[in-house]
Amino acid sequence: MTDPLDILFEDLLDHLDENLPSACWPLCQQESRLEDALLAALTPEQTELLKAYQAAAWRHTKQEERFLFRSGFRLARELSLLPGGLLRL
């Protein structure tokens, strides 16, 4: 059985574009333009190396984000258990 927090995290990633604040869009567009320019300047071998690097970087980022996501839920739970309940869930 899959952990409910993992299901929530994957759903968040699946709908990330819908949930990003509009302030993020200019940065996403700039990143896309820079990536396109870089890809146009690379040899096929360099392009494959870049794609392998990007895949590894994405796996690393996703692992970090999953940790932060789970940590946030763990902290909320701990706060809800404090005497006087600093956070009521």
PDB file of N, CA and C in Angstrom:
ATOM      1  N   MET A   1       0.842  -1.188   0.000  1.00  0.00           N
ATOM      2  CA  MET A   1       0.000   0.000   0.000  1.00  0.00           C
ATOM      3  C   MET A   1       0.882   1.245   0.000  1.00  0.00           C
ATOM      4  N   THR A   2       0.479   2.251  -0.729  1.00  0.00           N
ATOM      5  CA  THR A   2       1.242   3.485  -0.841  1.00  0.00           C
ATOM      6  C   THR A   2       0.909   4.418   0.315  1.00  0.00           C
ATOM      7  N   ASP A   3       1.937   5.078   0.827  1.00  0.00           N
ATOM      8  CA  ASP A   3       1.779   6.040   1.910  1.00  0.00           C
ATOM      9  C   ASP A   3       0.907   7.203   1.432  1.00  0.00           C
ATOM     10  N   PRO A   4      -0.089   7.623   2.228  1.00  0.00           N
ATOM     11  CA  PRO A   4      -0.956   8.738   1.810  1.00  0.00           C
ATOM     12  C   PRO A   4      -0.198  10.027   1.506  1.00  0.00           C
ATOM     13  N   LEU A   5       0.885  10.295   2.236  1.00  0.00           N
ATOM     14  CA  LEU A   5       1.652  11.512   1.964  1.00  0.00           C
ATOM     15  C   LEU A   5       2.352  11.419   0.609  1.00  0.00           C
ATOM     16  N   ASP A   6       2.775  10.219   0.232  1.00  0.00           N
ATOM     17  CA  ASP A   6       3.376  10.049  -1.090  1.00  0.00           C
ATOM     18  C   ASP A   6       2.340  10.285  -2.183  1.00  0.00           C
ATOM     19  N   ILE A   7       1.119   9.837  -1.954  1.00  0.00           N
ATOM     20  CA  ILE A   7       0.038  10.067  -2.921  1.00  0.00           C
ATOM     21  C   ILE A   7      -0.224  11.564  -3.054  1.00  0.00           C
ATOM     22  N   LEU A   8      -0.293  12.276  -1.934  1.00  0.00           N
ATOM     23  CA  LEU A   8      -0.504  13.730  -1.967  1.00  0.00           C
ATOM     24  C   LEU A   8       0.632  14.439  -2.692  1.00  0.00           C
ATOM     25  N   PHE A   9       1.863  14.027  -2.400  1.00  0.00           N
ATOM     26  CA  PHE A   9       3.031  14.649  -3.016  1.00  0.00           C
ATOM     27  C   PHE A   9       3.009  14.443  -4.532  1.00  0.00           C
ATOM     28  N   GLU A  10       2.748  13.220  -4.980  1.00  0.00           N
ATOM     29  CA  GLU A  10       2.708  12.932  -6.416  1.00  0.00           C
ATOM     30  C   GLU A  10       1.586  13.713  -7.096  1.00  0.00           C
ATOM     31  N   ASP A  11       0.438  13.840  -6.425  1.00  0.00           N
ATOM     32  CA  ASP A  11      -0.666  14.618  -6.983  1.00  0.00           C
ATOM     33  C   ASP A  11      -0.274  16.090  -7.101  1.00  0.00           C
ATOM     34  N   LEU A  12       0.420  16.593  -6.098  1.00  0.00           N
ATOM     35  CA  LEU A  12       0.894  17.982  -6.145  1.00  0.00           C
ATOM     36  C   LEU A  12       1.816  18.178  -7.343  1.00  0.00           C
ATOM     37  N   LEU A  13       2.736  17.242  -7.568  1.00  0.00           N
ATOM     38  CA  LEU A  13       3.639  17.350  -8.712  1.00  0.00           C
ATOM     39  C   LEU A  13       2.876  17.262 -10.035  1.00  0.00           C
ATOM     40  N   ASP A  14       1.884  16.383 -10.096  1.00  0.00           N
ATOM     41  CA  ASP A  14       1.104  16.218 -11.322  1.00  0.00           C
ATOM     42  C   ASP A  14       0.361  17.487 -11.697  1.00  0.00           C
ATOM     43  N   HIS A  15       0.008  18.297 -10.719  1.00  0.00           N
ATOM     44  CA  HIS A  15      -0.766  19.519 -10.954  1.00  0.00           C
ATOM     45  C   HIS A  15       0.032  20.777 -10.592  1.00  0.00           C
ATOM     46  N   LEU A  16       1.338  20.670 -10.645  1.00  0.00           N
ATOM     47  CA  LEU A  16       2.202  21.768 -10.226  1.00  0.00           C
ATOM     48  C   LEU A  16       1.950  23.035 -11.036  1.00  0.00           C
ATOM     49  N   ASP A  17       1.807  22.899 -12.348  1.00  0.00           N
ATOM     50  CA  ASP A  17       1.580  24.084 -13.184  1.00  0.00           C
ATOM     51  C   ASP A  17       0.331  24.840 -12.767  1.00  0.00           C
ATOM     52  N   GLU A  18      -0.697  24.117 -12.324  1.00  0.00           N
ATOM     53  CA  GLU A  18      -1.951  24.742 -11.916  1.00  0.00           C
ATOM     54  C   GLU A  18      -1.819  25.456 -10.566  1.00  0.00           C
ATOM     55  N   ASN A  19      -0.844  25.024  -9.755  1.00  0.00           N
ATOM     56  CA  ASN A  19      -0.743  25.541  -8.390  1.00  0.00           C
ATOM     57  C   ASN A  19       0.373  26.561  -8.179  1.00  0.00           C
ATOM     58  N   LEU A  20       1.213  26.766  -9.190  1.00  0.00           N
ATOM     59  CA  LEU A  20       2.299  27.729  -9.026  1.00  0.00           C
ATOM     60  C   LEU A  20       1.760  29.150  -9.020  1.00  0.00           C
ATOM     61  N   PRO A  21       2.283  29.997  -8.148  1.00  0.00           N
ATOM     62  CA  PRO A  21       1.865  31.401  -8.172  1.00  0.00           C
ATOM     63  C   PRO A  21       2.294  32.045  -9.490  1.00  0.00           C
ATOM     64  N   SER A  22       1.554  33.029  -9.924  1.00  0.00           N
ATOM     65  CA  SER A  22       1.855  33.679 -11.202  1.00  0.00           C
ATOM     66  C   SER A  22       3.238  34.327 -11.204  1.00  0.00           C
ATOM     67  N   ALA A  23       3.772  34.653 -10.043  1.00  0.00           N
ATOM     68  CA  ALA A  23       5.115  35.242  -9.967  1.00  0.00           C
ATOM     69  C   ALA A  23       6.185  34.267 -10.458  1.00  0.00           C
ATOM     70  N   CYS A  24       5.887  32.986 -10.460  1.00  0.00           N
ATOM     71  CA  CYS A  24       6.860  31.981 -10.912  1.00  0.00           C
ATOM     72  C   CYS A  24       6.944  31.881 -12.424  1.00  0.00           C
ATOM     73  N   TRP A  25       5.906  32.285 -13.135  1.00  0.00           N
ATOM     74  CA  TRP A  25       5.862  32.083 -14.582  1.00  0.00           C
ATOM     75  C   TRP A  25       6.965  32.796 -15.334  1.00  0.00           C
ATOM     76  N   PRO A  26       7.306  34.054 -15.023  1.00  0.00           N
ATOM     77  CA  PRO A  26       8.423  34.682 -15.747  1.00  0.00           C
ATOM     78  C   PRO A  26       9.736  33.906 -15.578  1.00  0.00           C
ATOM     79  N   LEU A  27       9.960  33.368 -14.404  1.00  0.00           N
ATOM     80  CA  LEU A  27      11.177  32.580 -14.188  1.00  0.00           C
ATOM     81  C   LEU A  27      11.146  31.284 -14.994  1.00  0.00           C
ATOM     82  N   CYS A  28       9.993  30.639 -15.054  1.00  0.00           N
ATOM     83  CA  CYS A  28       9.846  29.412 -15.849  1.00  0.00           C
ATOM     84  C   CYS A  28      10.088  29.702 -17.323  1.00  0.00           C
ATOM     85  N   GLN A  29       9.551  30.812 -17.800  1.00  0.00           N
ATOM     86  CA  GLN A  29       9.725  31.169 -19.208  1.00  0.00           C
ATOM     87  C   GLN A  29      11.183  31.500 -19.518  1.00  0.00           C
ATOM     88  N   GLN A  30      11.845  32.198 -18.615  1.00  0.00           N
ATOM     89  CA  GLN A  30      13.254  32.525 -18.808  1.00  0.00           C
ATOM     90  C   GLN A  30      14.093  31.253 -18.828  1.00  0.00           C
ATOM     91  N   GLU A  31      13.815  30.351 -17.912  1.00  0.00           N
ATOM     92  CA  GLU A  31      14.547  29.083 -17.869  1.00  0.00           C
ATOM     93  C   GLU A  31      14.359  28.314 -19.174  1.00  0.00           C
ATOM     94  N   SER A  32      13.152  28.302 -19.681  1.00  0.00           N
ATOM     95  CA  SER A  32      12.866  27.588 -20.924  1.00  0.00           C
ATOM     96  C   SER A  32      13.622  28.200 -22.102  1.00  0.00           C
ATOM     97  N   ARG A  33      13.639  29.520 -22.180  1.00  0.00           N
ATOM     98  CA  ARG A  33      14.369  30.190 -23.267  1.00  0.00           C
ATOM     99  C   ARG A  33      15.865  29.892 -23.186  1.00  0.00           C
ATOM    100  N   LEU A  34      16.426  29.942 -21.976  1.00  0.00           N
ATOM    101  CA  LEU A  34      17.853  29.657 -21.803  1.00  0.00           C
ATOM    102  C   LEU A  34      18.180  28.211 -22.154  1.00  0.00           C
ATOM    103  N   GLU A  35      17.307  27.298 -21.761  1.00  0.00           N
ATOM    104  CA  GLU A  35      17.521  25.888 -22.092  1.00  0.00           C
ATOM    105  C   GLU A  35      17.483  25.678 -23.602  1.00  0.00           C
ATOM    106  N   ASP A  36      16.532  26.307 -24.281  1.00  0.00           N
ATOM    107  CA  ASP A  36      16.444  26.189 -25.741  1.00  0.00           C
ATOM    108  C   ASP A  36      17.715  26.716 -26.415  1.00  0.00           C
ATOM    109  N   ALA A  37      18.216  27.847 -25.942  1.00  0.00           N
ATOM    110  CA  ALA A  37      19.436  28.421 -26.511  1.00  0.00           C
ATOM    111  C   ALA A  37      20.631  27.501 -26.262  1.00  0.00           C
ATOM    112  N   LEU A  38      20.711  26.955 -25.071  1.00  0.00           N
ATOM    113  CA  LEU A  38      21.805  26.045 -24.754  1.00  0.00           C
ATOM    114  C   LEU A  38      21.747  24.794 -25.624  1.00  0.00           C
ATOM    115  N   LEU A  39      20.567  24.206 -25.745  1.00  0.00           N
ATOM    116  CA  LEU A  39      20.418  23.002 -26.564  1.00  0.00           C
ATOM    117  C   LEU A  39      20.783  23.255 -28.025  1.00  0.00           C
ATOM    118  N   ALA A  40      20.470  24.437 -28.525  1.00  0.00           N
ATOM    119  CA  ALA A  40      20.791  24.773 -29.909  1.00  0.00           C
ATOM    120  C   ALA A  40      22.304  24.880 -30.127  1.00  0.00           C
ATOM    121  N   ALA A  41      23.051  25.185 -29.066  1.00  0.00           N
ATOM    122  CA  ALA A  41      24.501  25.374 -29.189  1.00  0.00           C
ATOM    123  C   ALA A  41      25.301  24.095 -28.924  1.00  0.00           C
ATOM    124  N   LEU A  42      24.646  23.043 -28.464  1.00  0.00           N
ATOM    125  CA  LEU A  42      25.372  21.828 -28.083  1.00  0.00           C
ATOM    126  C   LEU A  42      25.441  20.814 -29.222  1.00  0.00           C
ATOM    127  N   THR A  43      26.506  20.011 -29.181  1.00  0.00           N
ATOM    128  CA  THR A  43      26.613  18.876 -30.095  1.00  0.00           C
ATOM    129  C   THR A  43      25.650  17.792 -29.607  1.00  0.00           C
ATOM    130  N   PRO A  44      25.342  16.800 -30.439  1.00  0.00           N
ATOM    131  CA  PRO A  44      24.464  15.719 -29.987  1.00  0.00           C
ATOM    132  C   PRO A  44      24.989  15.006 -28.728  1.00  0.00           C
ATOM    133  N   GLU A  45      26.293  14.795 -28.648  1.00  0.00           N
ATOM    134  CA  GLU A  45      26.860  14.140 -27.465  1.00  0.00           C
ATOM    135  C   GLU A  45      26.691  15.004 -26.217  1.00  0.00           C
ATOM    136  N   GLN A  46      26.909  16.298 -26.375  1.00  0.00           N
ATOM    137  CA  GLN A  46      26.740  17.220 -25.252  1.00  0.00           C
ATOM    138  C   GLN A  46      25.271  17.296 -24.835  1.00  0.00           C
ATOM    139  N   THR A  47      24.372  17.232 -25.821  1.00  0.00           N
ATOM    140  CA  THR A  47      22.938  17.258 -25.525  1.00  0.00           C
ATOM    141  C   THR A  47      22.548  16.053 -24.687  1.00  0.00           C
ATOM    142  N   GLU A  48      23.048  14.872 -25.043  1.00  0.00           N
ATOM    143  CA  GLU A  48      22.756  13.664 -24.267  1.00  0.00           C
ATOM    144  C   GLU A  48      23.303  13.773 -22.847  1.00  0.00           C
ATOM    145  N   LEU A  49      24.499  14.328 -22.713  1.00  0.00           N
ATOM    146  CA  LEU A  49      25.096  14.517 -21.387  1.00  0.00           C
ATOM    147  C   LEU A  49      24.266  15.492 -20.560  1.00  0.00           C
ATOM    148  N   LEU A  50      23.815  16.571 -21.188  1.00  0.00           N
ATOM    149  CA  LEU A  50      22.975  17.540 -20.486  1.00  0.00           C
ATOM    150  C   LEU A  50      21.660  16.897 -20.040  1.00  0.00           C
ATOM    151  N   LYS A  51      21.041  16.125 -20.910  1.00  0.00           N
ATOM    152  CA  LYS A  51      19.780  15.472 -20.559  1.00  0.00           C
ATOM    153  C   LYS A  51      19.970  14.495 -19.401  1.00  0.00           C
ATOM    154  N   ALA A  52      21.088  13.767 -19.389  1.00  0.00           N
ATOM    155  CA  ALA A  52      21.366  12.851 -18.277  1.00  0.00           C
ATOM    156  C   ALA A  52      21.566  13.632 -16.983  1.00  0.00           C
ATOM    157  N   TYR A  53      22.265  14.763 -17.081  1.00  0.00           N
ATOM    158  CA  TYR A  53      22.464  15.612 -15.905  1.00  0.00           C
ATOM    159  C   TYR A  53      21.131  16.145 -15.388  1.00  0.00           C
ATOM    160  N   GLN A  54      20.280  16.623 -16.302  1.00  0.00           N
ATOM    161  CA  GLN A  54      18.983  17.171 -15.900  1.00  0.00           C
ATOM    162  C   GLN A  54      18.116  16.105 -15.229  1.00  0.00           C
ATOM    163  N   ALA A  55      18.163  14.878 -15.733  1.00  0.00           N
ATOM    164  CA  ALA A  55      17.383  13.793 -15.123  1.00  0.00           C
ATOM    165  C   ALA A  55      17.874  13.508 -13.712  1.00  0.00           C
ATOM    166  N   ALA A  56      19.194  13.472 -13.535  1.00  0.00           N
ATOM    167  CA  ALA A  56      19.753  13.231 -12.200  1.00  0.00           C
ATOM    168  C   ALA A  56      19.431  14.395 -11.261  1.00  0.00           C
ATOM    169  N   ALA A  57      19.530  15.611 -11.775  1.00  0.00           N
ATOM    170  CA  ALA A  57      19.216  16.786 -10.946  1.00  0.00           C
ATOM    171  C   ALA A  57      17.748  16.783 -10.555  1.00  0.00           C
ATOM    172  N   TRP A  58      16.848  16.383 -11.477  1.00  0.00           N
ATOM    173  CA  TRP A  58      15.422  16.324 -11.160  1.00  0.00           C
ATOM    174  C   TRP A  58      15.154  15.287 -10.075  1.00  0.00           C
ATOM    175  N   ARG A  59      15.791  14.103 -10.176  1.00  0.00           N
ATOM    176  CA  ARG A  59      15.587  13.077  -9.147  1.00  0.00           C
ATOM    177  C   ARG A  59      16.057  13.592  -7.790  1.00  0.00           C
ATOM    178  N   HIS A  60      17.174  14.306  -7.760  1.00  0.00           N
ATOM    179  CA  HIS A  60      17.692  14.862  -6.508  1.00  0.00           C
ATOM    180  C   HIS A  60      16.737  15.910  -5.945  1.00  0.00           C
ATOM    181  N   THR A  61      16.283  16.817  -6.802  1.00  0.00           N
ATOM    182  CA  THR A  61      15.350  17.866  -6.371  1.00  0.00           C
ATOM    183  C   THR A  61      14.053  17.261  -5.852  1.00  0.00           C
ATOM    184  N   LYS A  62      13.531  16.272  -6.568  1.00  0.00           N
ATOM    185  CA  LYS A  62      12.285  15.628  -6.155  1.00  0.00           C
ATOM    186  C   LYS A  62      12.460  14.962  -4.783  1.00  0.00           C
ATOM    187  N   GLN A  63      13.608  14.339  -4.550  1.00  0.00           N
ATOM    188  CA  GLN A  63      13.870  13.706  -3.255  1.00  0.00           C
ATOM    189  C   GLN A  63      13.900  14.754  -2.141  1.00  0.00           C
ATOM    190  N   GLU A  64      14.552  15.882  -2.394  1.00  0.00           N
ATOM    191  CA  GLU A  64      14.590  16.955  -1.399  1.00  0.00           C
ATOM    192  C   GLU A  64      13.192  17.511  -1.140  1.00  0.00           C
ATOM    193  N   GLU A  65      12.426  17.736  -2.207  1.00  0.00           N
ATOM    194  CA  GLU A  65      11.077  18.283  -2.054  1.00  0.00           C
ATOM    195  C   GLU A  65      10.167  17.317  -1.303  1.00  0.00           C
ATOM    196  N   ARG A  66      10.311  16.029  -1.576  1.00  0.00           N
ATOM    197  CA  ARG A  66       9.516  15.030  -0.865  1.00  0.00           C
ATOM    198  C   ARG A  66       9.853  15.076   0.632  1.00  0.00           C
ATOM    199  N   PHE A  67      11.133  15.211   0.969  1.00  0.00           N
ATOM    200  CA  PHE A  67      11.544  15.299   2.365  1.00  0.00           C
ATOM    201  C   PHE A  67      10.936  16.531   3.031  1.00  0.00           C
ATOM    202  N   LEU A  68      11.000  17.681   2.362  1.00  0.00           N
ATOM    203  CA  LEU A  68      10.436  18.907   2.937  1.00  0.00           C
ATOM    204  C   LEU A  68       8.920  18.812   3.094  1.00  0.00           C
ATOM    205  N   PHE A  69       8.264  18.217   2.117  1.00  0.00           N
ATOM    206  CA  PHE A  69       6.818  18.033   2.152  1.00  0.00           C
ATOM    207  C   PHE A  69       6.431  17.184   3.367  1.00  0.00           C
ATOM    208  N   ARG A  70       7.108  16.063   3.528  1.00  0.00           N
ATOM    209  CA  ARG A  70       6.806  15.162   4.646  1.00  0.00           C
ATOM    210  C   ARG A  70       7.164  15.823   5.981  1.00  0.00           C
ATOM    211  N   SER A  71       8.258  16.570   6.020  1.00  0.00           N
ATOM    212  CA  SER A  71       8.670  17.260   7.245  1.00  0.00           C
ATOM    213  C   SER A  71       7.638  18.287   7.679  1.00  0.00           C
ATOM    214  N   GLY A  72       7.039  18.971   6.711  1.00  0.00           N
ATOM    215  CA  GLY A  72       6.001  19.944   7.039  1.00  0.00           C
ATOM    216  C   GLY A  72       4.798  19.283   7.702  1.00  0.00           C
ATOM    217  N   PHE A  73       4.389  18.130   7.189  1.00  0.00           N
ATOM    218  CA  PHE A  73       3.273  17.410   7.807  1.00  0.00           C
ATOM    219  C   PHE A  73       3.649  16.894   9.193  1.00  0.00           C
ATOM    220  N   ARG A  74       4.883  16.410   9.340  1.00  0.00           N
ATOM    221  CA  ARG A  74       5.330  15.912  10.641  1.00  0.00           C
ATOM    222  C   ARG A  74       5.346  17.054  11.663  1.00  0.00           C
ATOM    223  N   LEU A  75       5.836  18.224  11.267  1.00  0.00           N
ATOM    224  CA  LEU A  75       5.867  19.377  12.172  1.00  0.00           C
ATOM    225  C   LEU A  75       4.452  19.804  12.549  1.00  0.00           C
ATOM    226  N   ALA A  76       3.534  19.824  11.593  1.00  0.00           N
ATOM    227  CA  ALA A  76       2.146  20.182  11.895  1.00  0.00           C
ATOM    228  C   ALA A  76       1.549  19.206  12.900  1.00  0.00           C
ATOM    229  N   ARG A  77       1.840  17.938  12.745  1.00  0.00           N
ATOM    230  CA  ARG A  77       1.325  16.933  13.686  1.00  0.00           C
ATOM    231  C   ARG A  77       1.898  17.169  15.086  1.00  0.00           C
ATOM    232  N   GLU A  78       3.205  17.425  15.163  1.00  0.00           N
ATOM    233  CA  GLU A  78       3.832  17.663  16.465  1.00  0.00           C
ATOM    234  C   GLU A  78       3.253  18.903  17.129  1.00  0.00           C
ATOM    235  N   LEU A  79       3.019  19.954  16.351  1.00  0.00           N
ATOM    236  CA  LEU A  79       2.439  21.173  16.915  1.00  0.00           C
ATOM    237  C   LEU A  79       1.015  20.936  17.410  1.00  0.00           C
ATOM    238  N   SER A  80       0.287  20.070  16.735  1.00  0.00           N
ATOM    239  CA  SER A  80      -1.085  19.801  17.156  1.00  0.00           C
ATOM    240  C   SER A  80      -1.133  18.992  18.447  1.00  0.00           C
ATOM    241  N   LEU A  81      -0.051  18.307  18.776  1.00  0.00           N
ATOM    242  CA  LEU A  81      -0.008  17.475  19.979  1.00  0.00           C
ATOM    243  C   LEU A  81       0.518  18.218  21.204  1.00  0.00           C
ATOM    244  N   LEU A  82       1.023  19.423  21.029  1.00  0.00           N
ATOM    245  CA  LEU A  82       1.546  20.194  22.158  1.00  0.00           C
ATOM    246  C   LEU A  82       0.421  20.571  23.114  1.00  0.00           C
ATOM    247  N   PRO A  83       0.752  20.697  24.412  1.00  0.00           N
ATOM    248  CA  PRO A  83      -0.267  21.153  25.357  1.00  0.00           C
ATOM    249  C   PRO A  83      -0.812  22.515  24.918  1.00  0.00           C
ATOM    250  N   GLY A  84      -2.075  22.647  24.917  1.00  0.00           N
ATOM    251  CA  GLY A  84      -2.710  23.884  24.463  1.00  0.00           C
ATOM    252  C   GLY A  84      -2.847  23.927  22.949  1.00  0.00           C
ATOM    253  N   GLY A  85      -2.287  22.933  22.271  1.00  0.00           N
ATOM    254  CA  GLY A  85      -2.407  22.796  20.813  1.00  0.00           C
ATOM    255  C   GLY A  85      -2.112  24.052  20.037  1.00  0.00           C
ATOM    256  N   LEU A  86      -0.842  24.299  19.756  1.00  0.00           N
ATOM    257  CA  LEU A  86      -0.487  25.471  18.964  1.00  0.00           C
ATOM    258  C   LEU A  86      -1.096  25.425  17.574  1.00  0.00           C
ATOM    259  N   LEU A  87      -1.417  24.225  17.145  1.00  0.00           N
ATOM    260  CA  LEU A  87      -2.029  24.069  15.830  1.00  0.00           C
ATOM    261  C   LEU A  87      -3.091  22.969  15.961  1.00  0.00           C
ATOM    262  N   ARG A  88      -4.297  23.319  15.647  1.00  0.00           N
ATOM    263  CA  ARG A  88      -5.389  22.338  15.709  1.00  0.00           C
ATOM    264  C   ARG A  88      -5.697  21.852  14.312  1.00  0.00           C
ATOM    265  N   LEU A  89      -5.607  20.554  14.127  1.00  0.00           N
ATOM    266  CA  LEU A  89      -5.923  19.972  12.805  1.00  0.00           C
ATOM    267  C   LEU A  89      -7.312  19.416  12.802  1.00  0.00           C
TER     268      LEU A  89
END
